[in-house]
PDB file of N, CA and C in Angstrom:
ATOM      1  N   MET A   1      75.594  91.543  99.033  1.00  0.00           N
ATOM      2  CA  MET A   1      75.865  92.571  98.050  1.00  0.00           C
ATOM      3  C   MET A   1      77.370  92.675  97.778  1.00  0.00           C
ATOM      4  N   MET A   2      78.165  92.424  98.815  1.00  0.00           N
ATOM      5  CA  MET A   2      79.615  92.491  98.647  1.00  0.00           C
ATOM      6  C   MET A   2      80.095  91.427  97.662  1.00  0.00           C
ATOM      7  N   ARG A   3      79.455  90.281  97.683  1.00  0.00           N
ATOM      8  CA  ARG A   3      79.839  89.196  96.772  1.00  0.00           C
ATOM      9  C   ARG A   3      79.602  89.607  95.321  1.00  0.00           C
ATOM     10  N   LEU A   4      78.469  90.230  95.055  1.00  0.00           N
ATOM     11  CA  LEU A   4      78.166  90.705  93.709  1.00  0.00           C
ATOM     12  C   LEU A   4      79.150  91.797  93.294  1.00  0.00           C
ATOM     13  N   TYR A   5      79.503  92.662  94.226  1.00  0.00           N
ATOM     14  CA  TYR A   5      80.476  93.722  93.939  1.00  0.00           C
ATOM     15  C   TYR A   5      81.818  93.116  93.533  1.00  0.00           C
ATOM     16  N   LYS A   6      82.267  92.089  94.255  1.00  0.00           N
ATOM     17  CA  LYS A   6      83.550  91.454  93.933  1.00  0.00           C
ATOM     18  C   LYS A   6      83.493  90.730  92.587  1.00  0.00           C
ATOM     19  N   ILE A   7      82.343  90.158  92.259  1.00  0.00           N
ATOM     20  CA  ILE A   7      82.199  89.503  90.957  1.00  0.00           C
ATOM     21  C   ILE A   7      82.311  90.541  89.839  1.00  0.00           C
ATOM     22  N   LEU A   8      81.623  91.670  89.992  1.00  0.00           N
ATOM     23  CA  LEU A   8      81.697  92.717  88.976  1.00  0.00           C
ATOM     24  C   LEU A   8      83.077  93.361  88.934  1.00  0.00           C
ATOM     25  N   LEU A   9      83.767  93.386  90.056  1.00  0.00           N
ATOM     26  CA  LEU A   9      85.136  93.906  90.068  1.00  0.00           C
ATOM     27  C   LEU A   9      86.041  93.021  89.213  1.00  0.00           C
ATOM     28  N   GLY A  10      85.682  91.757  89.086  1.00  0.00           N
ATOM     29  CA  GLY A  10      86.436  90.844  88.241  1.00  0.00           C
ATOM     30  C   GLY A  10      86.352  91.177  86.756  1.00  0.00           C
ATOM     31  N   LEU A  11      85.442  92.059  86.373  1.00  0.00           N
ATOM     32  CA  LEU A  11      85.342  92.479  84.977  1.00  0.00           C
ATOM     33  C   LEU A  11      86.459  93.435  84.576  1.00  0.00           C
ATOM     34  N   TYR A  12      87.105  94.054  85.552  1.00  0.00           N
ATOM     35  CA  TYR A  12      88.188  94.990  85.266  1.00  0.00           C
ATOM     36  C   TYR A  12      89.419  94.243  84.769  1.00  0.00           C
ATOM     37  N   PRO A  13      90.294  94.900  84.022  1.00  0.00           N
ATOM     38  CA  PRO A  13      91.553  94.268  83.623  1.00  0.00           C
ATOM     39  C   PRO A  13      92.377  93.874  84.853  1.00  0.00           C
ATOM     40  N   TYR A  14      93.187  92.822  84.699  1.00  0.00           N
ATOM     41  CA  TYR A  14      93.949  92.298  85.835  1.00  0.00           C
ATOM     42  C   TYR A  14      94.840  93.361  86.476  1.00  0.00           C
ATOM     43  N   ASP A  15      95.545  94.138  85.651  1.00  0.00           N
ATOM     44  CA  ASP A  15      96.471  95.113  86.227  1.00  0.00           C
ATOM     45  C   ASP A  15      95.730  96.169  87.043  1.00  0.00           C
ATOM     46  N   PHE A  16      94.564  96.591  86.585  1.00  0.00           N
ATOM     47  CA  PHE A  16      93.776  97.574  87.327  1.00  0.00           C
ATOM     48  C   PHE A  16      93.290  96.986  88.647  1.00  0.00           C
ATOM     49  N   ARG A  17      92.781  95.743  88.589  1.00  0.00           N
ATOM     50  CA  ARG A  17      92.299  95.076  89.812  1.00  0.00           C
ATOM     51  C   ARG A  17      93.409  94.892  90.826  1.00  0.00           C
ATOM     52  N   SER A  18      94.599  94.526  90.352  1.00  0.00           N
ATOM     53  CA  SER A  18      95.687  94.271  91.292  1.00  0.00           C
ATOM     54  C   SER A  18      96.116  95.546  92.008  1.00  0.00           C
ATOM     55  N   TRP A  19      96.016  96.672  91.346  1.00  0.00           N
ATOM     56  CA  TRP A  19      96.417  97.933  91.970  1.00  0.00           C
ATOM     57  C   TRP A  19      95.301  98.568  92.802  1.00  0.00           C
ATOM     58  N   PHE A  20      94.068  98.495  92.352  1.00  0.00           N
ATOM     59  CA  PHE A  20      92.991  99.258  92.993  1.00  0.00           C
ATOM     60  C   PHE A  20      91.865  98.419  93.571  1.00  0.00           C
ATOM     61  N   GLY A  21      91.859  97.115  93.363  1.00  0.00           N
ATOM     62  CA  GLY A  21      90.745  96.267  93.784  1.00  0.00           C
ATOM     63  C   GLY A  21      90.481  96.289  95.282  1.00  0.00           C
ATOM     64  N   ALA A  22      91.520  96.139  96.084  1.00  0.00           N
ATOM     65  CA  ALA A  22      91.339  96.115  97.539  1.00  0.00           C
ATOM     66  C   ALA A  22      90.812  97.455  98.053  1.00  0.00           C
ATOM     67  N   GLU A  23      91.337  98.531  97.510  1.00  0.00           N
ATOM     68  CA  GLU A  23      90.889  99.864  97.934  1.00  0.00           C
ATOM     69  C   GLU A  23      89.435 100.113  97.523  1.00  0.00           C
ATOM     70  N   MET A  24      89.065  99.687  96.329  1.00  0.00           N
ATOM     71  CA  MET A  24      87.689  99.855  95.866  1.00  0.00           C
ATOM     72  C   MET A  24      86.719  99.037  96.713  1.00  0.00           C
ATOM     73  N   THR A  25      87.108  97.808  97.050  1.00  0.00           N
ATOM     74  CA  THR A  25      86.257  96.954  97.878  1.00  0.00           C
ATOM     75  C   THR A  25      86.076  97.542  99.271  1.00  0.00           C
ATOM     76  N   ALA A  26      87.162  98.040  99.854  1.00  0.00           N
ATOM     77  CA  ALA A  26      87.085  98.633 101.189  1.00  0.00           C
ATOM     78  C   ALA A  26      86.212  99.888 101.182  1.00  0.00           C
ATOM     79  N   ALA A  27      86.341 100.719 100.156  1.00  0.00           N
ATOM     80  CA  ALA A  27      85.527 101.935 100.068  1.00  0.00           C
ATOM     81  C   ALA A  27      84.049 101.593  99.907  1.00  0.00           C
ATOM     82  N   PHE A  28      83.753 100.575  99.104  1.00  0.00           N
ATOM     83  CA  PHE A  28      82.359 100.164  98.934  1.00  0.00           C
ATOM     84  C   PHE A  28      81.786  99.638 100.251  1.00  0.00           C
ATOM     85  N   ALA A  29      82.543  98.804 100.949  1.00  0.00           N
ATOM     86  CA  ALA A  29      82.062  98.247 102.220  1.00  0.00           C
ATOM     87  C   ALA A  29      81.814  99.347 103.245  1.00  0.00           C
ATOM     88  N   LYS A  30      82.708 100.313 103.311  1.00  0.00           N
ATOM     89  CA  LYS A  30      82.560 101.412 104.272  1.00  0.00           C
ATOM     90  C   LYS A  30      81.342 102.272 103.927  1.00  0.00           C
ATOM     91  N   SER A  31      81.163 102.570 102.652  1.00  0.00           N
ATOM     92  CA  SER A  31      80.011 103.381 102.239  1.00  0.00           C
ATOM     93  C   SER A  31      78.704 102.629 102.418  1.00  0.00           C
ATOM     94  N   ALA A  32      78.710 101.335 102.143  1.00  0.00           N
ATOM     95  CA  ALA A  32      77.486 100.538 102.298  1.00  0.00           C
ATOM     96  C   ALA A  32      77.093 100.441 103.768  1.00  0.00           C
ATOM     97  N   ALA A  33      78.074 100.343 104.657  1.00  0.00           N
ATOM     98  CA  ALA A  33      77.782 100.270 106.088  1.00  0.00           C
ATOM     99  C   ALA A  33      77.209 101.587 106.605  1.00  0.00           C
ATOM    100  N   ALA A  34      77.618 102.703 106.019  1.00  0.00           N
ATOM    101  CA  ALA A  34      77.145 104.012 106.463  1.00  0.00           C
ATOM    102  C   ALA A  34      75.792 104.382 105.871  1.00  0.00           C
ATOM    103  N   CYS A  35      75.344 103.653 104.864  1.00  0.00           N
ATOM    104  CA  CYS A  35      74.084 103.969 104.190  1.00  0.00           C
ATOM    105  C   CYS A  35      72.897 103.467 105.027  1.00  0.00           C
ATOM    106  N   PRO A  36      71.852 104.283 105.180  1.00  0.00           N
ATOM    107  CA  PRO A  36      70.682 103.826 105.942  1.00  0.00           C
ATOM    108  C   PRO A  36      69.948 102.701 105.212  1.00  0.00           C
ATOM    109  N   PRO A  37      69.327 101.787 105.951  1.00  0.00           N
ATOM    110  CA  PRO A  37      68.621 100.667 105.317  1.00  0.00           C
ATOM    111  C   PRO A  37      67.384 101.149 104.556  1.00  0.00           C
ATOM    112  N   GLY A  38      66.919 100.276 103.700  1.00  0.00           N
ATOM    113  CA  GLY A  38      65.708 100.594 102.940  1.00  0.00           C
ATOM    114  C   GLY A  38      66.035 101.092 101.547  1.00  0.00           C
ATOM    115  N   TRP A  39      65.172 101.974 101.051  1.00  0.00           N
ATOM    116  CA  TRP A  39      65.330 102.478  99.700  1.00  0.00           C
ATOM    117  C   TRP A  39      66.664 103.188  99.461  1.00  0.00           C
ATOM    118  N   PRO A  40      67.183 103.989 100.389  1.00  0.00           N
ATOM    119  CA  PRO A  40      68.496 104.616 100.141  1.00  0.00           C
ATOM    120  C   PRO A  40      69.613 103.588  99.914  1.00  0.00           C
ATOM    121  N   TYR A  41      69.557 102.476 100.639  1.00  0.00           N
ATOM    122  CA  TYR A  41      70.576 101.430 100.458  1.00  0.00           C
ATOM    123  C   TYR A  41      70.442 100.776  99.082  1.00  0.00           C
ATOM    124  N   VAL A  42      69.212 100.505  98.667  1.00  0.00           N
ATOM    125  CA  VAL A  42      68.982  99.894  97.361  1.00  0.00           C
ATOM    126  C   VAL A  42      69.458 100.832  96.256  1.00  0.00           C
ATOM    127  N   ARG A  43      69.112 102.097  96.376  1.00  0.00           N
ATOM    128  CA  ARG A  43      69.528 103.087  95.382  1.00  0.00           C
ATOM    129  C   ARG A  43      71.051 103.214  95.340  1.00  0.00           C
ATOM    130  N   PHE A  44      71.685 103.214  96.509  1.00  0.00           N
ATOM    131  CA  PHE A  44      73.145 103.295  96.583  1.00  0.00           C
ATOM    132  C   PHE A  44      73.801 102.097  95.897  1.00  0.00           C
ATOM    133  N   THR A  45      73.340 100.890  96.225  1.00  0.00           N
ATOM    134  CA  THR A  45      73.981  99.698  95.665  1.00  0.00           C
ATOM    135  C   THR A  45      73.755  99.595  94.155  1.00  0.00           C
ATOM    136  N   LEU A  46      72.559  99.934  93.678  1.00  0.00           N
ATOM    137  CA  LEU A  46      72.319  99.904  92.237  1.00  0.00           C
ATOM    138  C   LEU A  46      73.219 100.902  91.510  1.00  0.00           C
ATOM    139  N   ALA A  47      73.363 102.087  92.071  1.00  0.00           N
ATOM    140  CA  ALA A  47      74.226 103.096  91.451  1.00  0.00           C
ATOM    141  C   ALA A  47      75.688 102.645  91.461  1.00  0.00           C
ATOM    142  N   GLU A  48      76.133 102.064  92.553  1.00  0.00           N
ATOM    143  CA  GLU A  48      77.522 101.602  92.644  1.00  0.00           C
ATOM    144  C   GLU A  48      77.803 100.442  91.693  1.00  0.00           C
ATOM    145  N   LEU A  49      76.893  99.489  91.621  1.00  0.00           N
ATOM    146  CA  LEU A  49      77.094  98.347  90.737  1.00  0.00           C
ATOM    147  C   LEU A  49      77.059  98.761  89.272  1.00  0.00           C
ATOM    148  N   ALA A  50      76.155  99.681  88.922  1.00  0.00           N
ATOM    149  CA  ALA A  50      76.109 100.190  87.552  1.00  0.00           C
ATOM    150  C   ALA A  50      77.384 100.968  87.228  1.00  0.00           C
ATOM    151  N   GLY A  51      77.854 101.754  88.181  1.00  0.00           N
ATOM    152  CA  GLY A  51      79.093 102.500  87.983  1.00  0.00           C
ATOM    153  C   GLY A  51      80.303 101.589  87.857  1.00  0.00           C
ATOM    154  N   LEU A  52      80.286 100.492  88.582  1.00  0.00           N
ATOM    155  CA  LEU A  52      81.374  99.525  88.514  1.00  0.00           C
ATOM    156  C   LEU A  52      81.423  98.870  87.132  1.00  0.00           C
ATOM    157  N   ALA A  53      80.265  98.464  86.617  1.00  0.00           N
ATOM    158  CA  ALA A  53      80.215  97.853  85.284  1.00  0.00           C
ATOM    159  C   ALA A  53      80.622  98.862  84.210  1.00  0.00           C
ATOM    160  N   ARG A  54      80.163 100.083  84.337  1.00  0.00           N
ATOM    161  CA  ARG A  54      80.517 101.137  83.379  1.00  0.00           C
ATOM    162  C   ARG A  54      82.013 101.440  83.431  1.00  0.00           C
ATOM    163  N   GLY A  55      82.555 101.512  84.637  1.00  0.00           N
ATOM    164  CA  GLY A  55      83.987 101.769  84.789  1.00  0.00           C
ATOM    165  C   GLY A  55      84.839 100.656  84.198  1.00  0.00           C
ATOM    166  N   ALA A  56      84.393  99.408  84.354  1.00  0.00           N
ATOM    167  CA  ALA A  56      85.127  98.278  83.781  1.00  0.00           C
ATOM    168  C   ALA A  56      85.143  98.378  82.260  1.00  0.00           C
ATOM    169  N   ALA A  57      84.011  98.729  81.674  1.00  0.00           N
ATOM    170  CA  ALA A  57      83.953  98.876  80.213  1.00  0.00           C
ATOM    171  C   ALA A  57      84.899  99.977  79.746  1.00  0.00           C
ATOM    172  N   PHE A  58      84.914 101.104  80.448  1.00  0.00           N
ATOM    173  CA  PHE A  58      85.803 102.198  80.070  1.00  0.00           C
ATOM    174  C   PHE A  58      87.275 101.832  80.242  1.00  0.00           C
ATOM    175  N   GLU A  59      87.598 101.071  81.273  1.00  0.00           N
ATOM    176  CA  GLU A  59      88.991 100.654  81.466  1.00  0.00           C
ATOM    177  C   GLU A  59      89.459  99.737  80.348  1.00  0.00           C
ATOM    178  N   TRP A  60      88.600  98.815  79.917  1.00  0.00           N
ATOM    179  CA  TRP A  60      88.983  97.929  78.814  1.00  0.00           C
ATOM    180  C   TRP A  60      89.141  98.715  77.520  1.00  0.00           C
ATOM    181  N   ILE A  61      88.243  99.654  77.264  1.00  0.00           N
ATOM    182  CA  ILE A  61      88.353 100.473  76.054  1.00  0.00           C
ATOM    183  C   ILE A  61      89.636 101.286  76.094  1.00  0.00           C
ATOM    184  N   ALA A  62      89.933 101.880  77.236  1.00  0.00           N
ATOM    185  CA  ALA A  62      91.155 102.666  77.366  1.00  0.00           C
ATOM    186  C   ALA A  62      92.390 101.789  77.199  1.00  0.00           C
ATOM    187  N   LYS A  63      92.338 100.577  77.697  1.00  0.00           N
ATOM    188  CA  LYS A  63      93.481  99.676  77.581  1.00  0.00           C
ATOM    189  C   LYS A  63      93.679  99.237  76.137  1.00  0.00           C
ATOM    190  N   TRP A  64      92.603  98.936  75.419  1.00  0.00           N
ATOM    191  CA  TRP A  64      92.700  98.478  74.039  1.00  0.00           C
ATOM    192  C   TRP A  64      93.092  99.588  73.069  1.00  0.00           C
ATOM    193  N   THR A  65      92.627 100.810  73.338  1.00  0.00           N
ATOM    194  CA  THR A  65      92.856 101.900  72.391  1.00  0.00           C
ATOM    195  C   THR A  65      94.022 102.789  72.781  1.00  0.00           C
ATOM    196  N   GLY A  66      94.496 102.687  74.006  1.00  0.00           N
ATOM    197  CA  GLY A  66      95.571 103.550  74.464  1.00  0.00           C
ATOM    198  C   GLY A  66      96.937 103.098  73.976  1.00  0.00           C
ATOM    199  N   ASP A  67      97.885 103.982  74.085  1.00  0.00           N
ATOM    200  CA  ASP A  67      99.265 103.672  73.727  1.00  0.00           C
ATOM    201  C   ASP A  67      99.811 102.649  74.713  1.00  0.00           C
ATOM    202  N   ARG A  68     100.458 101.624  74.206  1.00  0.00           N
ATOM    203  CA  ARG A  68     100.965 100.538  75.048  1.00  0.00           C
ATOM    204  C   ARG A  68     102.000 101.035  76.056  1.00  0.00           C
ATOM    205  N   LEU A  69     102.675 102.110  75.748  1.00  0.00           N
ATOM    206  CA  LEU A  69     103.707 102.623  76.638  1.00  0.00           C
ATOM    207  C   LEU A  69     103.156 103.529  77.735  1.00  0.00           C
ATOM    208  N   THR A  70     101.869 103.817  77.685  1.00  0.00           N
ATOM    209  CA  THR A  70     101.265 104.667  78.698  1.00  0.00           C
ATOM    210  C   THR A  70     101.119 103.878  79.982  1.00  0.00           C
ATOM    211  N   ARG A  71     101.845 104.233  80.993  1.00  0.00           N
ATOM    212  CA  ARG A  71     101.892 103.468  82.235  1.00  0.00           C
ATOM    213  C   ARG A  71     100.541 103.429  82.939  1.00  0.00           C
ATOM    214  N   ALA A  72      99.750 104.459  82.805  1.00  0.00           N
ATOM    215  CA  ALA A  72      98.476 104.502  83.525  1.00  0.00           C
ATOM    216  C   ALA A  72      97.518 103.415  83.058  1.00  0.00           C
ATOM    217  N   ARG A  73      97.662 102.938  81.846  1.00  0.00           N
ATOM    218  CA  ARG A  73      96.757 101.918  81.331  1.00  0.00           C
ATOM    219  C   ARG A  73      97.396 100.542  81.286  1.00  0.00           C
ATOM    220  N   TYR A  74      98.695 100.467  81.323  1.00  0.00           N
ATOM    221  CA  TYR A  74      99.392  99.189  81.329  1.00  0.00           C
ATOM    222  C   TYR A  74     100.305  99.158  82.544  1.00  0.00           C
ATOM    223  N   LEU A  75      99.703  98.863  83.660  1.00  0.00           N
ATOM    224  CA  LEU A  75     100.456  98.818  84.901  1.00  0.00           C
ATOM    225  C   LEU A  75     101.356  97.593  84.906  1.00  0.00           C
ATOM    226  N   PRO A  76     102.445  97.628  85.670  1.00  0.00           N
ATOM    227  CA  PRO A  76     103.344  96.484  85.680  1.00  0.00           C
ATOM    228  C   PRO A  76     102.651  95.221  86.186  1.00  0.00           C
ATOM    229  N   ASP A  77     103.016  94.103  85.618  1.00  0.00           N
ATOM    230  CA  ASP A  77     102.473  92.814  86.017  1.00  0.00           C
ATOM    231  C   ASP A  77     103.357  92.259  87.132  1.00  0.00           C
ATOM    232  N   TRP A  78     102.842  92.256  88.341  1.00  0.00           N
ATOM    233  CA  TRP A  78     103.635  91.825  89.503  1.00  0.00           C
ATOM    234  C   TRP A  78     104.042  90.365  89.408  1.00  0.00           C
ATOM    235  N   ARG A  79     103.322  89.586  88.610  1.00  0.00           N
ATOM    236  CA  ARG A  79     103.675  88.175  88.457  1.00  0.00           C
ATOM    237  C   ARG A  79     104.968  87.995  87.677  1.00  0.00           C
ATOM    238  N   MET A  80     105.344  88.986  86.863  1.00  0.00           N
ATOM    239  CA  MET A  80     106.539  88.884  86.036  1.00  0.00           C
ATOM    240  C   MET A  80     107.733  89.639  86.612  1.00  0.00           C
ATOM    241  N   MET A  81     107.538  90.371  87.691  1.00  0.00           N
ATOM    242  CA  MET A  81     108.628  91.148  88.266  1.00  0.00           C
ATOM    243  C   MET A  81     109.436  90.271  89.208  1.00  0.00           C
ATOM    244  N   ARG A  82     110.726  90.250  89.010  1.00  0.00           N
ATOM    245  CA  ARG A  82     111.554  89.400  89.865  1.00  0.00           C
ATOM    246  C   ARG A  82     111.798  90.085  91.200  1.00  0.00           C
ATOM    247  N   PRO A  83     111.871  89.320  92.277  1.00  0.00           N
ATOM    248  CA  PRO A  83     112.117  89.877  93.603  1.00  0.00           C
ATOM    249  C   PRO A  83     113.527  90.446  93.714  1.00  0.00           C
ATOM    250  N   ALA A  84     113.684  91.396  94.599  1.00  0.00           N
ATOM    251  CA  ALA A  84     115.001  91.994  94.823  1.00  0.00           C
ATOM    252  C   ALA A  84     115.965  90.934  95.339  1.00  0.00           C
ATOM    253  N   GLY A  85     117.179  90.969  94.864  1.00  0.00           N
ATOM    254  CA  GLY A  85     118.201  90.037  95.318  1.00  0.00           C
ATOM    255  C   GLY A  85     118.261  88.742  94.527  1.00  0.00           C
ATOM    256  N   ILE A  86     117.335  88.517  93.621  1.00  0.00           N
ATOM    257  CA  ILE A  86     117.342  87.312  92.793  1.00  0.00           C
ATOM    258  C   ILE A  86     117.906  87.703  91.426  1.00  0.00           C
ATOM    259  N   PRO A  87     119.015  87.121  91.015  1.00  0.00           N
ATOM    260  CA  PRO A  87     119.600  87.491  89.716  1.00  0.00           C
ATOM    261  C   PRO A  87     118.653  87.184  88.559  1.00  0.00           C
ATOM    262  N   ARG A  88     118.724  88.000  87.545  1.00  0.00           N
ATOM    263  CA  ARG A  88     117.874  87.867  86.372  1.00  0.00           C
ATOM    264  C   ARG A  88     117.994  86.482  85.743  1.00  0.00           C
ATOM    265  N   GLU A  89     119.220  85.981  85.636  1.00  0.00           N
ATOM    266  CA  GLU A  89     119.454  84.687  85.010  1.00  0.00           C
ATOM    267  C   GLU A  89     118.779  83.564  85.792  1.00  0.00           C
ATOM    268  N   VAL A  90     118.746  83.691  87.102  1.00  0.00           N
ATOM    269  CA  VAL A  90     118.150  82.657  87.939  1.00  0.00           C
ATOM    270  C   VAL A  90     116.627  82.728  87.874  1.00  0.00           C
ATOM    271  N   PHE A  91     116.072  83.933  87.966  1.00  0.00           N
ATOM    272  CA  PHE A  91     114.617  84.087  88.012  1.00  0.00           C
ATOM    273  C   PHE A  91     113.960  83.673  86.701  1.00  0.00           C
ATOM    274  N   PHE A  92     114.566  84.043  85.580  1.00  0.00           N
ATOM    275  CA  PHE A  92     113.970  83.763  84.287  1.00  0.00           C
ATOM    276  C   PHE A  92     114.515  82.489  83.640  1.00  0.00           C
ATOM    277  N   ALA A  93     115.263  81.692  84.375  1.00  0.00           N
ATOM    278  CA  ALA A  93     115.871  80.488  83.811  1.00  0.00           C
ATOM    279  C   ALA A  93     114.829  79.427  83.483  1.00  0.00           C
ATOM    280  N   GLY A  94     113.802  79.315  84.284  1.00  0.00           N
ATOM    281  CA  GLY A  94     112.751  78.349  84.003  1.00  0.00           C
ATOM    282  C   GLY A  94     112.921  77.050  84.772  1.00  0.00           C
ATOM    283  N   PRO A  95     111.968  76.143  84.635  1.00  0.00           N
ATOM    284  CA  PRO A  95     111.970  74.897  85.393  1.00  0.00           C
ATOM    285  C   PRO A  95     113.135  73.975  85.051  1.00  0.00           C
ATOM    286  N   ALA A  96     113.608  73.985  83.809  1.00  0.00           N
ATOM    287  CA  ALA A  96     114.717  73.093  83.438  1.00  0.00           C
ATOM    288  C   ALA A  96     115.968  73.451  84.221  1.00  0.00           C
ATOM    289  N   ALA A  97     116.254  74.738  84.365  1.00  0.00           N
ATOM    290  CA  ALA A  97     117.433  75.167  85.112  1.00  0.00           C
ATOM    291  C   ALA A  97     117.287  74.828  86.590  1.00  0.00           C
ATOM    292  N   GLU A  98     116.063  74.890  87.096  1.00  0.00           N
ATOM    293  CA  GLU A  98     115.839  74.536  88.502  1.00  0.00           C
ATOM    294  C   GLU A  98     116.129  73.058  88.734  1.00  0.00           C
ATOM    295  N   ARG A  99     115.702  72.226  87.809  1.00  0.00           N
ATOM    296  CA  ARG A  99     115.957  70.789  87.953  1.00  0.00           C
ATOM    297  C   ARG A  99     117.455  70.491  87.885  1.00  0.00           C
ATOM    298  N   GLU A 100     118.171  71.211  87.001  1.00  0.00           N
ATOM    299  CA  GLU A 100     119.613  71.007  86.894  1.00  0.00           C
ATOM    300  C   GLU A 100     120.321  71.401  88.184  1.00  0.00           C
ATOM    301  N   ARG A 101     119.888  72.493  88.788  1.00  0.00           N
ATOM    302  CA  ARG A 101     120.499  72.949  90.038  1.00  0.00           C
ATOM    303  C   ARG A 101     120.068  72.075  91.203  1.00  0.00           C
ATOM    304  N   GLY A 102     118.912  71.434  91.053  1.00  0.00           N
ATOM    305  CA  GLY A 102     118.404  70.593  92.131  1.00  0.00           C
ATOM    306  C   GLY A 102     117.832  71.377  93.288  1.00  0.00           C
ATOM    307  N   GLY A 103     117.416  72.588  93.039  1.00  0.00           N
ATOM    308  CA  GLY A 103     116.873  73.408  94.111  1.00  0.00           C
ATOM    309  C   GLY A 103     115.705  74.246  93.640  1.00  0.00           C
ATOM    310  N   HIS A 104     115.255  75.085  94.508  1.00  0.00           N
ATOM    311  CA  HIS A 104     114.148  75.986  94.244  1.00  0.00           C
ATOM    312  C   HIS A 104     114.682  77.248  93.600  1.00  0.00           C
ATOM    313  N   ARG A 105     113.833  77.930  92.831  1.00  0.00           N
ATOM    314  CA  ARG A 105     114.226  79.141  92.129  1.00  0.00           C
ATOM    315  C   ARG A 105     114.811  80.205  93.073  1.00  0.00           C
ATOM    316  N   CYS A 106     114.303  80.276  94.271  1.00  0.00           N
ATOM    317  CA  CYS A 106     114.724  81.333  95.196  1.00  0.00           C
ATOM    318  C   CYS A 106     115.630  80.785  96.301  1.00  0.00           C
ATOM    319  N   SER A 107     116.280  79.686  96.083  1.00  0.00           N
ATOM    320  CA  SER A 107     117.137  79.144  97.134  1.00  0.00           C
ATOM    321  C   SER A 107     118.349  80.015  97.342  1.00  0.00           C
ATOM    322  N   PRO A 108     118.793  80.195  98.567  1.00  0.00           N
ATOM    323  CA  PRO A 108     119.904  81.115  98.855  1.00  0.00           C
ATOM    324  C   PRO A 108     121.256  80.638  98.326  1.00  0.00           C
ATOM    325  N   ASP A 109     121.381  79.386  97.926  1.00  0.00           N
ATOM    326  CA  ASP A 109     122.674  78.897  97.485  1.00  0.00           C
ATOM    327  C   ASP A 109     122.967  79.246  96.027  1.00  0.00           C
ATOM    328  N   THR A 110     122.057  79.960  95.344  1.00  0.00           N
ATOM    329  CA  THR A 110     122.287  80.315  93.945  1.00  0.00           C
ATOM    330  C   THR A 110     122.892  81.672  93.809  1.00  0.00           C
TER     331      THR A 110
END
């Protein structure tokens, strides 16, 4: 059931998943473990999976229709944020600049 939950979690926008995915998965696993076997477990998982699909649809609608500057719907993309201590010119220089320097983007000699 956890595998299906993670697949449906993939329906959420990337920024939402990156911020809340691990917490949502842990909460589902903890609640599923506490649920008694049998019909209560089936009812719990069906309700959770339906809620997950519904929540994903609402998140996409909110993201598409919301103001782009609203931080709650457009969370920062961690893939584009440069690490502390790396100059902007070095981080965003690209592969050509790395080849010219002959080193890695995050090498300490830059």
